[in-house]
Amino acid sequence: MRGQLSAEMLILLAVLIAVVVIVASQLIKTADKASGKVDTASEAVFNKTDSAIGAGSKKDIGETCISDEECRTGSCDIISSRCS
């Protein structure tokens, strides 16, 4: 009788472990999908803020500059240090 109870307990333990493994693998898959969606959404937000900051910080013609990237026109006169 003791051996039979032990075998039943081992079978039950194996079933429980299998259920835990299945649930854990499903949770990992769900977490990976959610992570990908969060990455995509955060990338979109960062791109929007970068473009908003970049567009607002460009200088107009006649303002002082150091490089072409600072000017809205994309052209900085090196001699006068002004956007042209």
N, C-alpha and C. Protein backbone atom coordinates (compact mmCIF):
# COMPACT_ATOMS: atom_id res chain seq x y z
N MET A 1 0.81 -1.18 0.00
CA MET A 1 0.00 0.00 0.00
C MET A 1 0.87 1.26 0.00
N ARG A 2 1.97 1.21 0.74
CA ARG A 2 2.84 2.39 0.79
C ARG A 2 3.47 2.68 -0.56
N GLY A 3 3.88 1.67 -1.29
CA GLY A 3 4.48 1.85 -2.60
C GLY A 3 3.50 2.44 -3.59
N GLN A 4 2.25 2.05 -3.50
CA GLN A 4 1.24 2.57 -4.40
C GLN A 4 0.99 4.05 -4.12
N LEU A 5 0.96 4.44 -2.90
CA LEU A 5 0.76 5.83 -2.52
C LEU A 5 1.95 6.67 -3.00
N SER A 6 3.13 6.14 -2.91
CA SER A 6 4.32 6.84 -3.35
C SER A 6 4.30 7.06 -4.86
N ALA A 7 3.89 6.05 -5.62
CA ALA A 7 3.83 6.17 -7.07
C ALA A 7 2.79 7.21 -7.47
N GLU A 8 1.66 7.24 -6.79
CA GLU A 8 0.64 8.23 -7.08
C GLU A 8 1.14 9.64 -6.78
N MET A 9 1.88 9.77 -5.72
CA MET A 9 2.44 11.08 -5.37
C MET A 9 3.46 11.53 -6.41
N LEU A 10 4.26 10.62 -6.92
CA LEU A 10 5.23 10.96 -7.95
C LEU A 10 4.53 11.39 -9.24
N ILE A 11 3.47 10.68 -9.60
CA ILE A 11 2.71 11.05 -10.80
C ILE A 11 2.09 12.43 -10.63
N LEU A 12 1.51 12.69 -9.48
CA LEU A 12 0.91 13.98 -9.20
C LEU A 12 1.96 15.09 -9.23
N LEU A 13 3.12 14.82 -8.68
CA LEU A 13 4.22 15.79 -8.69
C LEU A 13 4.67 16.08 -10.12
N ALA A 14 4.76 15.06 -10.95
CA ALA A 14 5.17 15.24 -12.34
C ALA A 14 4.13 16.07 -13.10
N VAL A 15 2.86 15.84 -12.85
CA VAL A 15 1.80 16.61 -13.50
C VAL A 15 1.87 18.08 -13.06
N LEU A 16 2.07 18.31 -11.78
CA LEU A 16 2.16 19.68 -11.28
C LEU A 16 3.37 20.42 -11.88
N ILE A 17 4.48 19.74 -11.97
CA ILE A 17 5.67 20.35 -12.57
C ILE A 17 5.42 20.67 -14.04
N ALA A 18 4.75 19.78 -14.76
CA ALA A 18 4.44 20.02 -16.16
C ALA A 18 3.54 21.24 -16.32
N VAL A 19 2.54 21.38 -15.45
CA VAL A 19 1.64 22.53 -15.50
C VAL A 19 2.41 23.81 -15.22
N VAL A 20 3.29 23.79 -14.25
CA VAL A 20 4.08 24.98 -13.93
C VAL A 20 4.97 25.37 -15.11
N VAL A 21 5.57 24.41 -15.77
CA VAL A 21 6.43 24.69 -16.92
C VAL A 21 5.62 25.29 -18.06
N ILE A 22 4.44 24.75 -18.31
CA ILE A 22 3.59 25.27 -19.39
C ILE A 22 3.16 26.70 -19.09
N VAL A 23 2.73 26.96 -17.87
CA VAL A 23 2.30 28.31 -17.49
C VAL A 23 3.47 29.29 -17.56
N ALA A 24 4.63 28.87 -17.10
CA ALA A 24 5.80 29.75 -17.14
C ALA A 24 6.19 30.07 -18.58
N SER A 25 6.14 29.10 -19.47
CA SER A 25 6.51 29.36 -20.87
C SER A 25 5.50 30.31 -21.53
N GLN A 26 4.23 30.17 -21.20
CA GLN A 26 3.23 31.09 -21.74
C GLN A 26 3.45 32.51 -21.20
N LEU A 27 3.79 32.64 -19.94
CA LEU A 27 4.07 33.96 -19.36
C LEU A 27 5.28 34.60 -20.02
N ILE A 28 6.28 33.81 -20.31
CA ILE A 28 7.48 34.35 -20.96
C ILE A 28 7.14 34.83 -22.38
N LYS A 29 6.35 34.06 -23.11
CA LYS A 29 5.94 34.47 -24.46
C LYS A 29 5.15 35.77 -24.41
N THR A 30 4.22 35.86 -23.46
CA THR A 30 3.40 37.06 -23.32
C THR A 30 4.27 38.26 -22.95
N ALA A 31 5.22 38.06 -22.06
CA ALA A 31 6.11 39.15 -21.66
C ALA A 31 6.97 39.61 -22.84
N ASP A 32 7.43 38.69 -23.67
CA ASP A 32 8.22 39.06 -24.84
C ASP A 32 7.40 39.90 -25.82
N LYS A 33 6.16 39.49 -26.05
CA LYS A 33 5.29 40.25 -26.95
C LYS A 33 5.03 41.65 -26.39
N ALA A 34 4.75 41.73 -25.11
CA ALA A 34 4.48 43.03 -24.48
C ALA A 34 5.72 43.91 -24.52
N SER A 35 6.86 43.32 -24.32
CA SER A 35 8.12 44.07 -24.36
C SER A 35 8.35 44.66 -25.74
N GLY A 36 8.07 43.89 -26.77
CA GLY A 36 8.22 44.38 -28.14
C GLY A 36 7.29 45.55 -28.43
N LYS A 37 6.05 45.46 -27.94
CA LYS A 37 5.09 46.55 -28.15
C LYS A 37 5.50 47.80 -27.38
N VAL A 38 6.01 47.62 -26.18
CA VAL A 38 6.47 48.77 -25.39
C VAL A 38 7.67 49.43 -26.07
N ASP A 39 8.59 48.62 -26.58
CA ASP A 39 9.74 49.17 -27.30
C ASP A 39 9.31 49.98 -28.52
N THR A 40 8.35 49.45 -29.27
CA THR A 40 7.86 50.15 -30.46
C THR A 40 7.20 51.47 -30.08
N ALA A 41 6.37 51.44 -29.06
CA ALA A 41 5.67 52.66 -28.64
C ALA A 41 6.64 53.69 -28.09
N SER A 42 7.61 53.27 -27.29
CA SER A 42 8.57 54.22 -26.72
C SER A 42 9.47 54.80 -27.81
N GLU A 43 9.81 54.00 -28.80
CA GLU A 43 10.61 54.50 -29.92
C GLU A 43 9.85 55.58 -30.68
N ALA A 44 8.56 55.36 -30.87
CA ALA A 44 7.73 56.36 -31.56
C ALA A 44 7.67 57.66 -30.76
N VAL A 45 7.54 57.54 -29.45
CA VAL A 45 7.51 58.74 -28.60
C VAL A 45 8.84 59.46 -28.65
N PHE A 46 9.93 58.74 -28.57
CA PHE A 46 11.25 59.37 -28.63
C PHE A 46 11.47 60.08 -29.97
N ASN A 47 11.03 59.45 -31.05
CA ASN A 47 11.18 60.07 -32.37
C ASN A 47 10.38 61.36 -32.46
N LYS A 48 9.16 61.36 -31.91
CA LYS A 48 8.34 62.57 -31.95
C LYS A 48 8.96 63.68 -31.12
N THR A 49 9.46 63.36 -29.94
CA THR A 49 10.07 64.40 -29.10
C THR A 49 11.37 64.90 -29.72
N ASP A 50 12.14 64.00 -30.31
CA ASP A 50 13.38 64.43 -30.98
C ASP A 50 13.09 65.39 -32.12
N SER A 51 12.08 65.07 -32.92
CA SER A 51 11.76 65.94 -34.04
C SER A 51 11.20 67.27 -33.56
N ALA A 52 10.43 67.25 -32.47
CA ALA A 52 9.89 68.50 -31.93
C ALA A 52 11.00 69.38 -31.36
N ILE A 53 11.94 68.76 -30.68
CA ILE A 53 13.06 69.53 -30.11
C ILE A 53 13.96 70.03 -31.23
N GLY A 54 14.23 69.18 -32.21
CA GLY A 54 15.10 69.57 -33.32
C GLY A 54 14.52 70.70 -34.14
N ALA A 55 13.23 70.67 -34.40
CA ALA A 55 12.60 71.71 -35.22
C ALA A 55 12.57 73.04 -34.49
N GLY A 56 12.42 73.02 -33.18
CA GLY A 56 12.32 74.25 -32.41
C GLY A 56 13.66 74.90 -32.14
N SER A 57 14.74 74.17 -32.28
CA SER A 57 16.04 74.72 -31.92
C SER A 57 16.84 75.23 -33.12
N LYS A 58 16.31 75.11 -34.32
CA LYS A 58 17.02 75.60 -35.51
C LYS A 58 16.99 77.13 -35.54
N LYS A 59 18.07 77.71 -36.04
CA LYS A 59 18.20 79.17 -36.07
C LYS A 59 17.78 79.73 -37.42
N ASP A 60 17.27 80.96 -37.39
CA ASP A 60 16.84 81.64 -38.60
C ASP A 60 18.03 82.32 -39.29
N ILE A 61 17.79 82.80 -40.50
CA ILE A 61 18.82 83.52 -41.26
C ILE A 61 19.27 84.75 -40.48
N GLY A 62 20.57 84.92 -40.38
CA GLY A 62 21.15 86.07 -39.68
C GLY A 62 21.54 85.79 -38.24
N GLU A 63 21.07 84.70 -37.68
CA GLU A 63 21.44 84.37 -36.30
C GLU A 63 22.82 83.71 -36.29
N THR A 64 23.51 83.82 -35.16
CA THR A 64 24.86 83.26 -35.07
C THR A 64 24.80 81.73 -35.05
N CYS A 65 25.82 81.15 -35.67
CA CYS A 65 25.89 79.69 -35.76
C CYS A 65 27.35 79.25 -35.80
N ILE A 66 27.53 77.95 -35.58
CA ILE A 66 28.86 77.35 -35.66
C ILE A 66 28.91 76.33 -36.79
N SER A 67 27.79 75.61 -36.99
CA SER A 67 27.77 74.58 -38.03
C SER A 67 26.47 74.67 -38.83
N ASP A 68 26.44 73.98 -39.97
CA ASP A 68 25.27 73.99 -40.85
C ASP A 68 24.03 73.39 -40.17
N GLU A 69 24.25 72.43 -39.29
CA GLU A 69 23.13 71.75 -38.64
C GLU A 69 22.32 72.67 -37.75
N GLU A 70 22.89 73.77 -37.30
CA GLU A 70 22.18 74.69 -36.42
C GLU A 70 21.17 75.56 -37.17
N CYS A 71 21.31 75.70 -38.46
CA CYS A 71 20.48 76.62 -39.25
C CYS A 71 19.30 75.89 -39.89
N ARG A 72 18.16 76.57 -39.96
CA ARG A 72 16.99 76.01 -40.63
C ARG A 72 17.27 75.79 -42.12
N THR A 73 18.05 76.67 -42.69
CA THR A 73 18.38 76.55 -44.11
C THR A 73 19.43 75.48 -44.35
N GLY A 74 20.15 75.08 -43.29
CA GLY A 74 21.20 74.09 -43.43
C GLY A 74 22.50 74.69 -43.92
N SER A 75 22.62 76.02 -43.84
CA SER A 75 23.82 76.68 -44.34
C SER A 75 24.30 77.73 -43.33
N CYS A 76 25.51 77.55 -42.82
CA CYS A 76 26.12 78.49 -41.89
C CYS A 76 27.35 79.10 -42.57
N ASP A 77 27.36 80.43 -42.69
CA ASP A 77 28.50 81.13 -43.28
C ASP A 77 29.62 81.13 -42.24
N ILE A 78 30.70 80.46 -42.55
CA ILE A 78 31.79 80.29 -41.60
C ILE A 78 32.48 81.64 -41.30
N ILE A 79 32.58 82.51 -42.27
CA ILE A 79 33.28 83.79 -42.08
C ILE A 79 32.50 84.69 -41.12
N SER A 80 31.21 84.85 -41.35
CA SER A 80 30.42 85.75 -40.50
C SER A 80 29.79 85.01 -39.31
N SER A 81 29.86 83.70 -39.29
CA SER A 81 29.26 82.88 -38.23
C SER A 81 27.76 83.16 -38.10
N ARG A 82 27.10 83.25 -39.26
CA ARG A 82 25.66 83.53 -39.28
C ARG A 82 24.99 82.57 -40.27
N CYS A 83 23.75 82.23 -39.95
CA CYS A 83 22.96 81.39 -40.85
C CYS A 83 22.66 82.16 -42.12
N SER A 84 22.82 81.52 -43.25
CA SER A 84 22.55 82.20 -44.52
C SER A 84 21.50 81.45 -45.31
